[in-house]
Amino acid sequence: MQISTKFTIAIHLLTAVDFFGETQQVTSEFLAGSIGSNPVIIRGIMLKLRAAGLIATKRGPGGIALARPLADITFLDVYRAVETGSRDALFHFHERPNPQCPVGRNIHRSLDGLLEGIHHRFEADLARHTVAEVLQNLRTCTEEDDSAAHKQQAK
């Protein structure tokens, strides 16, 4: 299983909306420039985030706003909003194991509980993290960048 880039693009998008929202209008074109992606892709992800109640959008010059604070948006919220099939089982079985073989006949029963537990722990771990953590890490990174740039100018 691999999570698509939609997840990290959505995290980037939400973080950028909060980071820039106070000082400038955030649009899909603006976000596409920050993310390094096509505005059409960004708008598709925005539709999913809006449907999940994570962002609000206004047509025309209105821009994008968060529908709730980043501290209230978990990675699980984002995952469920943008990953197709995220409510499906995380693991999928091959469909026709040989019923004449003792392994083939019993593999599903032997794995089901283990894989279900992994799936629940995965979602629980996603639920423990919020997009606000990303914003805090980002602010630390930009402060370090600013400090390094200031030191470089002082030389």
N, C-alpha and C. Protein backbone atom coordinates (compact mmCIF):
# COMPACT_ATOMS: atom_id res chain seq x y z
N MET A 1 0.84 -1.18 0.00
CA MET A 1 0.00 0.00 0.00
C MET A 1 0.88 1.23 0.00
N GLN A 2 0.52 2.15 -0.82
CA GLN A 2 1.25 3.40 -0.87
C GLN A 2 0.23 4.53 -0.89
N ILE A 3 0.45 5.50 -0.05
CA ILE A 3 -0.43 6.67 -0.03
C ILE A 3 0.03 7.59 -1.15
N SER A 4 -0.93 8.11 -1.90
CA SER A 4 -0.60 8.96 -3.04
C SER A 4 -0.09 10.32 -2.58
N THR A 5 0.38 11.10 -3.53
CA THR A 5 0.85 12.46 -3.22
C THR A 5 -0.30 13.39 -2.83
N LYS A 6 -1.53 12.97 -3.05
CA LYS A 6 -2.67 13.80 -2.65
C LYS A 6 -2.62 14.13 -1.16
N PHE A 7 -2.18 13.17 -0.37
CA PHE A 7 -2.13 13.38 1.09
C PHE A 7 -1.16 14.50 1.44
N THR A 8 0.07 14.43 0.94
CA THR A 8 1.05 15.46 1.29
C THR A 8 0.72 16.79 0.63
N ILE A 9 0.13 16.75 -0.57
CA ILE A 9 -0.31 17.99 -1.20
C ILE A 9 -1.39 18.65 -0.34
N ALA A 10 -2.32 17.86 0.18
CA ALA A 10 -3.39 18.40 1.01
C ALA A 10 -2.83 19.00 2.31
N ILE A 11 -1.85 18.34 2.90
CA ILE A 11 -1.21 18.89 4.12
C ILE A 11 -0.52 20.21 3.78
N HIS A 12 0.21 20.24 2.66
CA HIS A 12 0.88 21.46 2.20
C HIS A 12 -0.15 22.58 2.00
N LEU A 13 -1.23 22.25 1.32
CA LEU A 13 -2.28 23.21 1.02
C LEU A 13 -2.85 23.81 2.31
N LEU A 14 -3.22 22.96 3.25
CA LEU A 14 -3.81 23.43 4.51
C LEU A 14 -2.83 24.30 5.29
N THR A 15 -1.58 23.88 5.32
CA THR A 15 -0.55 24.64 6.04
C THR A 15 -0.35 26.00 5.39
N ALA A 16 -0.30 26.03 4.06
CA ALA A 16 -0.11 27.30 3.34
C ALA A 16 -1.29 28.24 3.54
N VAL A 17 -2.49 27.70 3.56
CA VAL A 17 -3.67 28.55 3.79
C VAL A 17 -3.55 29.25 5.14
N ASP A 18 -3.14 28.54 6.16
CA ASP A 18 -2.98 29.16 7.47
C ASP A 18 -1.79 30.12 7.49
N PHE A 19 -0.67 29.70 6.93
CA PHE A 19 0.56 30.48 6.95
C PHE A 19 0.41 31.81 6.22
N PHE A 20 -0.22 31.80 5.05
CA PHE A 20 -0.33 33.00 4.23
C PHE A 20 -1.67 33.71 4.35
N GLY A 21 -2.68 33.06 4.93
CA GLY A 21 -4.04 33.58 4.93
C GLY A 21 -4.22 34.95 5.53
N GLU A 22 -3.40 35.30 6.49
CA GLU A 22 -3.53 36.61 7.15
C GLU A 22 -2.98 37.75 6.29
N THR A 23 -2.01 37.45 5.42
CA THR A 23 -1.31 38.51 4.72
C THR A 23 -1.64 38.62 3.24
N GLN A 24 -2.20 37.57 2.66
CA GLN A 24 -2.53 37.64 1.25
C GLN A 24 -3.66 36.68 0.90
N GLN A 25 -4.22 36.93 -0.27
CA GLN A 25 -5.31 36.08 -0.74
C GLN A 25 -4.71 34.76 -1.23
N VAL A 26 -5.25 33.66 -0.72
CA VAL A 26 -4.77 32.34 -1.11
C VAL A 26 -5.75 31.75 -2.12
N THR A 27 -5.24 31.50 -3.32
CA THR A 27 -6.05 30.94 -4.41
C THR A 27 -5.42 29.62 -4.86
N SER A 28 -6.13 28.91 -5.71
CA SER A 28 -5.58 27.66 -6.23
C SER A 28 -4.32 27.92 -7.05
N GLU A 29 -4.27 29.04 -7.77
CA GLU A 29 -3.07 29.37 -8.53
C GLU A 29 -1.89 29.65 -7.60
N PHE A 30 -2.15 30.39 -6.54
CA PHE A 30 -1.11 30.67 -5.55
C PHE A 30 -0.59 29.37 -4.94
N LEU A 31 -1.52 28.50 -4.54
CA LEU A 31 -1.13 27.22 -3.93
C LEU A 31 -0.37 26.33 -4.92
N ALA A 32 -0.80 26.34 -6.18
CA ALA A 32 -0.10 25.55 -7.19
C ALA A 32 1.35 26.00 -7.31
N GLY A 33 1.60 27.29 -7.18
CA GLY A 33 2.96 27.80 -7.22
C GLY A 33 3.77 27.33 -6.02
N SER A 34 3.17 27.33 -4.86
CA SER A 34 3.85 26.88 -3.65
C SER A 34 4.11 25.38 -3.69
N ILE A 35 3.14 24.63 -4.16
CA ILE A 35 3.21 23.17 -4.17
C ILE A 35 4.05 22.66 -5.35
N GLY A 36 4.08 23.45 -6.43
CA GLY A 36 4.79 23.01 -7.63
C GLY A 36 3.96 22.03 -8.43
N SER A 37 2.68 22.36 -8.55
CA SER A 37 1.75 21.46 -9.23
C SER A 37 0.82 22.28 -10.11
N ASN A 38 0.05 21.60 -10.90
CA ASN A 38 -0.92 22.23 -11.78
C ASN A 38 -2.13 22.69 -10.96
N PRO A 39 -2.64 23.91 -11.23
CA PRO A 39 -3.82 24.40 -10.49
C PRO A 39 -5.03 23.46 -10.60
N VAL A 40 -5.16 22.74 -11.70
CA VAL A 40 -6.28 21.81 -11.86
C VAL A 40 -6.20 20.69 -10.81
N ILE A 41 -5.01 20.19 -10.56
CA ILE A 41 -4.81 19.16 -9.54
C ILE A 41 -5.13 19.73 -8.17
N ILE A 42 -4.68 20.95 -7.93
CA ILE A 42 -4.93 21.60 -6.64
C ILE A 42 -6.43 21.79 -6.44
N ARG A 43 -7.13 22.23 -7.46
CA ARG A 43 -8.59 22.42 -7.34
C ARG A 43 -9.30 21.10 -7.06
N GLY A 44 -8.83 20.01 -7.66
CA GLY A 44 -9.43 18.69 -7.39
C GLY A 44 -9.26 18.30 -5.92
N ILE A 45 -8.10 18.54 -5.37
CA ILE A 45 -7.86 18.23 -3.96
C ILE A 45 -8.68 19.18 -3.08
N MET A 46 -8.77 20.44 -3.50
CA MET A 46 -9.58 21.40 -2.74
C MET A 46 -11.03 20.97 -2.67
N LEU A 47 -11.56 20.43 -3.76
CA LEU A 47 -12.95 19.95 -3.76
C LEU A 47 -13.14 18.88 -2.70
N LYS A 48 -12.18 17.97 -2.59
CA LYS A 48 -12.27 16.90 -1.59
C LYS A 48 -12.16 17.46 -0.18
N LEU A 49 -11.27 18.42 0.02
CA LEU A 49 -11.11 19.03 1.35
C LEU A 49 -12.35 19.83 1.73
N ARG A 50 -12.94 20.49 0.76
CA ARG A 50 -14.19 21.24 1.03
C ARG A 50 -15.33 20.28 1.37
N ALA A 51 -15.45 19.19 0.62
CA ALA A 51 -16.50 18.21 0.89
C ALA A 51 -16.35 17.59 2.28
N ALA A 52 -15.11 17.50 2.75
CA ALA A 52 -14.85 16.95 4.08
C ALA A 52 -14.99 18.00 5.18
N GLY A 53 -15.29 19.24 4.80
CA GLY A 53 -15.47 20.30 5.80
C GLY A 53 -14.17 20.83 6.36
N LEU A 54 -13.08 20.73 5.61
CA LEU A 54 -11.79 21.20 6.11
C LEU A 54 -11.43 22.59 5.60
N ILE A 55 -11.96 22.97 4.43
CA ILE A 55 -11.73 24.31 3.91
C ILE A 55 -13.05 24.89 3.41
N ALA A 56 -13.04 26.20 3.27
CA ALA A 56 -14.16 26.91 2.65
C ALA A 56 -13.57 27.69 1.48
N THR A 57 -14.28 27.73 0.38
CA THR A 57 -13.81 28.47 -0.79
C THR A 57 -14.86 29.47 -1.23
N LYS A 58 -14.36 30.56 -1.79
CA LYS A 58 -15.25 31.58 -2.35
C LYS A 58 -14.84 31.77 -3.80
N ARG A 59 -15.82 31.83 -4.68
CA ARG A 59 -15.54 32.03 -6.10
C ARG A 59 -14.95 33.42 -6.33
N GLY A 60 -14.24 33.51 -7.44
CA GLY A 60 -13.67 34.81 -7.81
C GLY A 60 -12.54 35.19 -6.88
N PRO A 61 -12.55 36.45 -6.46
CA PRO A 61 -11.42 36.93 -5.66
C PRO A 61 -11.49 36.52 -4.18
N GLY A 62 -12.42 35.68 -3.82
CA GLY A 62 -12.60 35.34 -2.41
C GLY A 62 -11.48 34.52 -1.80
N GLY A 63 -10.96 33.55 -2.52
CA GLY A 63 -9.87 32.74 -2.00
C GLY A 63 -10.34 31.58 -1.15
N ILE A 64 -9.39 31.04 -0.41
CA ILE A 64 -9.59 29.82 0.38
C ILE A 64 -9.35 30.15 1.85
N ALA A 65 -10.15 29.55 2.72
CA ALA A 65 -9.98 29.72 4.15
C ALA A 65 -10.14 28.35 4.82
N LEU A 66 -9.56 28.21 5.97
CA LEU A 66 -9.74 26.99 6.76
C LEU A 66 -11.14 26.99 7.35
N ALA A 67 -11.77 25.84 7.36
CA ALA A 67 -13.10 25.73 7.95
C ALA A 67 -13.01 25.49 9.45
N ARG A 68 -11.84 25.05 9.91
CA ARG A 68 -11.60 24.89 11.34
C ARG A 68 -10.10 25.02 11.59
N PRO A 69 -9.70 25.27 12.81
CA PRO A 69 -8.28 25.47 13.10
C PRO A 69 -7.45 24.23 12.78
N LEU A 70 -6.19 24.45 12.40
CA LEU A 70 -5.30 23.34 12.08
C LEU A 70 -5.16 22.36 13.23
N ALA A 71 -5.25 22.86 14.45
CA ALA A 71 -5.14 21.98 15.62
C ALA A 71 -6.30 21.00 15.71
N ASP A 72 -7.37 21.29 14.97
CA ASP A 72 -8.55 20.41 14.95
C ASP A 72 -8.63 19.56 13.68
N ILE A 73 -7.58 19.60 12.87
CA ILE A 73 -7.54 18.80 11.64
C ILE A 73 -6.44 17.76 11.79
N THR A 74 -6.86 16.52 11.91
CA THR A 74 -5.87 15.44 12.07
C THR A 74 -5.41 14.92 10.72
N PHE A 75 -4.29 14.22 10.75
CA PHE A 75 -3.83 13.56 9.53
C PHE A 75 -4.88 12.56 9.05
N LEU A 76 -5.59 11.94 9.98
CA LEU A 76 -6.64 11.00 9.59
C LEU A 76 -7.76 11.72 8.84
N ASP A 77 -8.12 12.91 9.28
CA ASP A 77 -9.13 13.71 8.56
C ASP A 77 -8.69 13.94 7.12
N VAL A 78 -7.43 14.32 6.95
CA VAL A 78 -6.91 14.60 5.62
C VAL A 78 -6.85 13.32 4.79
N TYR A 79 -6.36 12.26 5.38
CA TYR A 79 -6.27 10.97 4.69
C TYR A 79 -7.65 10.53 4.20
N ARG A 80 -8.62 10.61 5.06
CA ARG A 80 -9.97 10.20 4.66
C ARG A 80 -10.58 11.13 3.62
N ALA A 81 -10.18 12.39 3.65
CA ALA A 81 -10.73 13.34 2.68
C ALA A 81 -10.18 13.13 1.28
N VAL A 82 -8.90 12.82 1.16
CA VAL A 82 -8.29 12.85 -0.18
C VAL A 82 -7.89 11.50 -0.75
N GLU A 83 -7.73 10.49 0.07
CA GLU A 83 -7.29 9.20 -0.45
C GLU A 83 -8.49 8.35 -0.86
N THR A 84 -8.57 8.05 -2.13
CA THR A 84 -9.64 7.22 -2.66
C THR A 84 -9.61 5.86 -1.97
N GLY A 85 -10.74 5.42 -1.49
CA GLY A 85 -10.81 4.12 -0.83
C GLY A 85 -10.24 4.10 0.57
N SER A 86 -10.04 5.27 1.18
CA SER A 86 -9.41 5.30 2.51
C SER A 86 -10.29 4.66 3.58
N ARG A 87 -11.55 4.49 3.30
CA ARG A 87 -12.43 3.83 4.27
C ARG A 87 -12.49 2.32 4.03
N ASP A 88 -11.85 1.88 2.97
CA ASP A 88 -11.77 0.45 2.68
C ASP A 88 -10.70 -0.19 3.55
N ALA A 89 -10.66 -1.50 3.54
CA ALA A 89 -9.61 -2.21 4.25
C ALA A 89 -8.26 -1.78 3.69
N LEU A 90 -7.29 -1.66 4.56
CA LEU A 90 -5.96 -1.24 4.17
C LEU A 90 -5.27 -2.31 3.33
N PHE A 91 -5.50 -3.56 3.67
CA PHE A 91 -4.90 -4.68 2.97
C PHE A 91 -5.96 -5.42 2.17
N HIS A 92 -5.58 -5.88 1.00
CA HIS A 92 -6.50 -6.62 0.15
C HIS A 92 -5.92 -8.01 -0.11
N PHE A 93 -6.78 -8.99 -0.05
CA PHE A 93 -6.35 -10.38 -0.26
C PHE A 93 -6.41 -10.77 -1.72
N HIS A 94 -5.53 -11.67 -2.08
CA HIS A 94 -5.66 -12.32 -3.38
C HIS A 94 -6.94 -13.15 -3.30
N GLU A 95 -7.64 -13.25 -4.40
CA GLU A 95 -9.01 -13.73 -4.36
C GLU A 95 -9.20 -15.23 -4.39
N ARG A 96 -8.28 -15.97 -4.93
CA ARG A 96 -8.54 -17.40 -5.11
C ARG A 96 -7.42 -18.29 -4.57
N PRO A 97 -7.16 -18.26 -3.28
CA PRO A 97 -6.18 -19.22 -2.77
C PRO A 97 -6.74 -20.64 -2.93
N ASN A 98 -5.87 -21.57 -3.09
CA ASN A 98 -6.27 -22.95 -3.34
C ASN A 98 -6.90 -23.57 -2.10
N PRO A 99 -8.18 -23.92 -2.15
CA PRO A 99 -8.84 -24.51 -0.98
C PRO A 99 -8.35 -25.94 -0.67
N GLN A 100 -7.65 -26.55 -1.60
CA GLN A 100 -7.10 -27.89 -1.37
C GLN A 100 -5.80 -27.84 -0.58
N CYS A 101 -5.20 -26.66 -0.53
CA CYS A 101 -3.92 -26.48 0.18
C CYS A 101 -4.20 -26.00 1.60
N PRO A 102 -3.57 -26.56 2.62
CA PRO A 102 -3.82 -26.12 3.99
C PRO A 102 -3.47 -24.64 4.21
N VAL A 103 -2.45 -24.15 3.53
CA VAL A 103 -2.12 -22.72 3.65
C VAL A 103 -3.17 -21.89 2.92
N GLY A 104 -3.46 -22.25 1.67
CA GLY A 104 -4.45 -21.52 0.89
C GLY A 104 -5.81 -21.50 1.56
N ARG A 105 -6.21 -22.60 2.14
CA ARG A 105 -7.52 -22.74 2.78
C ARG A 105 -7.62 -21.86 4.04
N ASN A 106 -6.51 -21.63 4.72
CA ASN A 106 -6.56 -20.95 6.01
C ASN A 106 -5.86 -19.60 6.07
N ILE A 107 -5.30 -19.15 4.96
CA ILE A 107 -4.52 -17.91 5.00
C ILE A 107 -5.35 -16.70 5.41
N HIS A 108 -6.57 -16.61 4.91
CA HIS A 108 -7.42 -15.46 5.26
C HIS A 108 -7.71 -15.44 6.76
N ARG A 109 -8.12 -16.56 7.31
CA ARG A 109 -8.41 -16.61 8.75
C ARG A 109 -7.18 -16.35 9.58
N SER A 110 -6.02 -16.76 9.08
CA SER A 110 -4.77 -16.59 9.82
C SER A 110 -4.27 -15.15 9.80
N LEU A 111 -4.58 -14.42 8.76
CA LEU A 111 -4.09 -13.05 8.61
C LEU A 111 -5.10 -11.97 9.01
N ASP A 112 -6.38 -12.24 8.90
CA ASP A 112 -7.40 -11.21 9.09
C ASP A 112 -7.22 -10.39 10.36
N GLY A 113 -7.13 -11.03 11.48
CA GLY A 113 -7.02 -10.31 12.75
C GLY A 113 -5.75 -9.49 12.84
N LEU A 114 -4.65 -10.04 12.37
CA LEU A 114 -3.38 -9.32 12.41
C LEU A 114 -3.44 -8.06 11.55
N LEU A 115 -3.94 -8.20 10.35
CA LEU A 115 -4.00 -7.06 9.44
C LEU A 115 -5.01 -6.02 9.89
N GLU A 116 -6.09 -6.46 10.48
CA GLU A 116 -7.08 -5.52 11.00
C GLU A 116 -6.47 -4.68 12.13
N GLY A 117 -5.68 -5.33 12.98
CA GLY A 117 -5.00 -4.60 14.05
C GLY A 117 -4.02 -3.57 13.50
N ILE A 118 -3.28 -3.93 12.47
CA ILE A 118 -2.34 -2.99 11.84
C ILE A 118 -3.11 -1.81 11.27
N HIS A 119 -4.21 -2.08 10.61
CA HIS A 119 -5.04 -1.01 10.03
C HIS A 119 -5.52 -0.05 11.12
N HIS A 120 -6.00 -0.58 12.22
CA HIS A 120 -6.49 0.27 13.31
C HIS A 120 -5.37 1.10 13.93
N ARG A 121 -4.19 0.50 14.08
CA ARG A 121 -3.06 1.26 14.64
C ARG A 121 -2.60 2.35 13.67
N PHE A 122 -2.63 2.06 12.38
CA PHE A 122 -2.28 3.06 11.37
C PHE A 122 -3.21 4.27 11.49
N GLU A 123 -4.51 4.01 11.53
CA GLU A 123 -5.46 5.11 11.62
C GLU A 123 -5.36 5.83 12.97
N ALA A 124 -5.11 5.09 14.03
CA ALA A 124 -4.94 5.72 15.34
C ALA A 124 -3.72 6.63 15.35
N ASP A 125 -2.64 6.20 14.70
CA ASP A 125 -1.44 7.03 14.63
C ASP A 125 -1.71 8.29 13.80
N LEU A 126 -2.40 8.15 12.68
CA LEU A 126 -2.77 9.34 11.89
C LEU A 126 -3.62 10.30 12.73
N ALA A 127 -4.50 9.77 13.54
CA ALA A 127 -5.39 10.60 14.35
C ALA A 127 -4.64 11.34 15.46
N ARG A 128 -3.46 10.86 15.84
CA ARG A 128 -2.68 11.50 16.89
C ARG A 128 -1.95 12.76 16.43
N HIS A 129 -1.86 12.95 15.14
CA HIS A 129 -1.11 14.10 14.61
C HIS A 129 -2.05 15.08 13.93
N THR A 130 -1.76 16.36 14.11
CA THR A 130 -2.57 17.40 13.49
C THR A 130 -1.73 18.21 12.51
N VAL A 131 -2.41 18.93 11.65
CA VAL A 131 -1.72 19.79 10.70
C VAL A 131 -1.06 20.95 11.43
N ALA A 132 -1.53 21.29 12.62
CA ALA A 132 -0.88 22.33 13.42
C ALA A 132 0.56 21.96 13.75
N GLU A 133 0.85 20.68 13.91
CA GLU A 133 2.23 20.24 14.15
C GLU A 133 3.11 20.58 12.96
N VAL A 134 2.57 20.41 11.78
CA VAL A 134 3.32 20.72 10.56
C VAL A 134 3.61 22.22 10.50
N LEU A 135 2.60 23.02 10.81
CA LEU A 135 2.78 24.47 10.81
C LEU A 135 3.85 24.87 11.82
N GLN A 136 3.84 24.29 13.00
CA GLN A 136 4.86 24.61 14.01
C GLN A 136 6.25 24.23 13.51
N ASN A 137 6.38 23.04 12.92
CA ASN A 137 7.67 22.63 12.35
C ASN A 137 8.10 23.58 11.24
N LEU A 138 7.14 24.01 10.42
CA LEU A 138 7.43 24.93 9.34
C LEU A 138 7.94 26.27 9.88
N ARG A 139 7.30 26.76 10.91
CA ARG A 139 7.74 28.04 11.51
C ARG A 139 9.16 27.91 12.06
N THR A 140 9.48 26.78 12.67
CA THR A 140 10.83 26.55 13.16
C THR A 140 11.83 26.55 12.00
N CYS A 141 11.47 25.88 10.93
CA CYS A 141 12.35 25.84 9.75
C CYS A 141 12.57 27.23 9.16
N THR A 142 11.50 28.03 9.05
CA THR A 142 11.66 29.37 8.47
C THR A 142 12.47 30.27 9.39
N GLU A 143 12.34 30.10 10.71
CA GLU A 143 13.17 30.87 11.64
C GLU A 143 14.63 30.49 11.49
N GLU A 144 14.90 29.20 11.32
CA GLU A 144 16.28 28.75 11.11
C GLU A 144 16.83 29.31 9.80
N ASP A 145 16.00 29.32 8.75
CA ASP A 145 16.42 29.89 7.46
C ASP A 145 16.74 31.37 7.61
N ASP A 146 15.86 32.10 8.31
CA ASP A 146 16.06 33.53 8.50
C ASP A 146 17.34 33.79 9.30
N SER A 147 17.57 32.98 10.31
CA SER A 147 18.78 33.13 11.14
C SER A 147 20.03 32.87 10.31
N ALA A 148 20.02 31.83 9.50
CA ALA A 148 21.16 31.50 8.66
C ALA A 148 21.41 32.59 7.62
N ALA A 149 20.34 33.14 7.05
CA ALA A 149 20.48 34.21 6.07
C ALA A 149 21.05 35.47 6.73
N HIS A 150 20.60 35.75 7.92
CA HIS A 150 21.10 36.93 8.66
C HIS A 150 22.59 36.76 8.97
N LYS A 151 23.00 35.58 9.38
CA LYS A 151 24.41 35.32 9.67
C LYS A 151 25.25 35.45 8.39
N GLN A 152 24.70 34.99 7.26
CA GLN A 152 25.41 35.06 6.00
C GLN A 152 25.59 36.52 5.58
N GLN A 153 24.58 37.36 5.79
CA GLN A 153 24.65 38.77 5.43
C GLN A 153 25.63 39.50 6.30
N ALA A 154 25.78 39.07 7.56
CA ALA A 154 26.67 39.74 8.51
C ALA A 154 28.14 39.51 8.17
N LYS A 155 28.42 38.49 7.37
CA LYS A 155 29.83 38.19 7.04
C LYS A 155 30.42 39.18 6.09
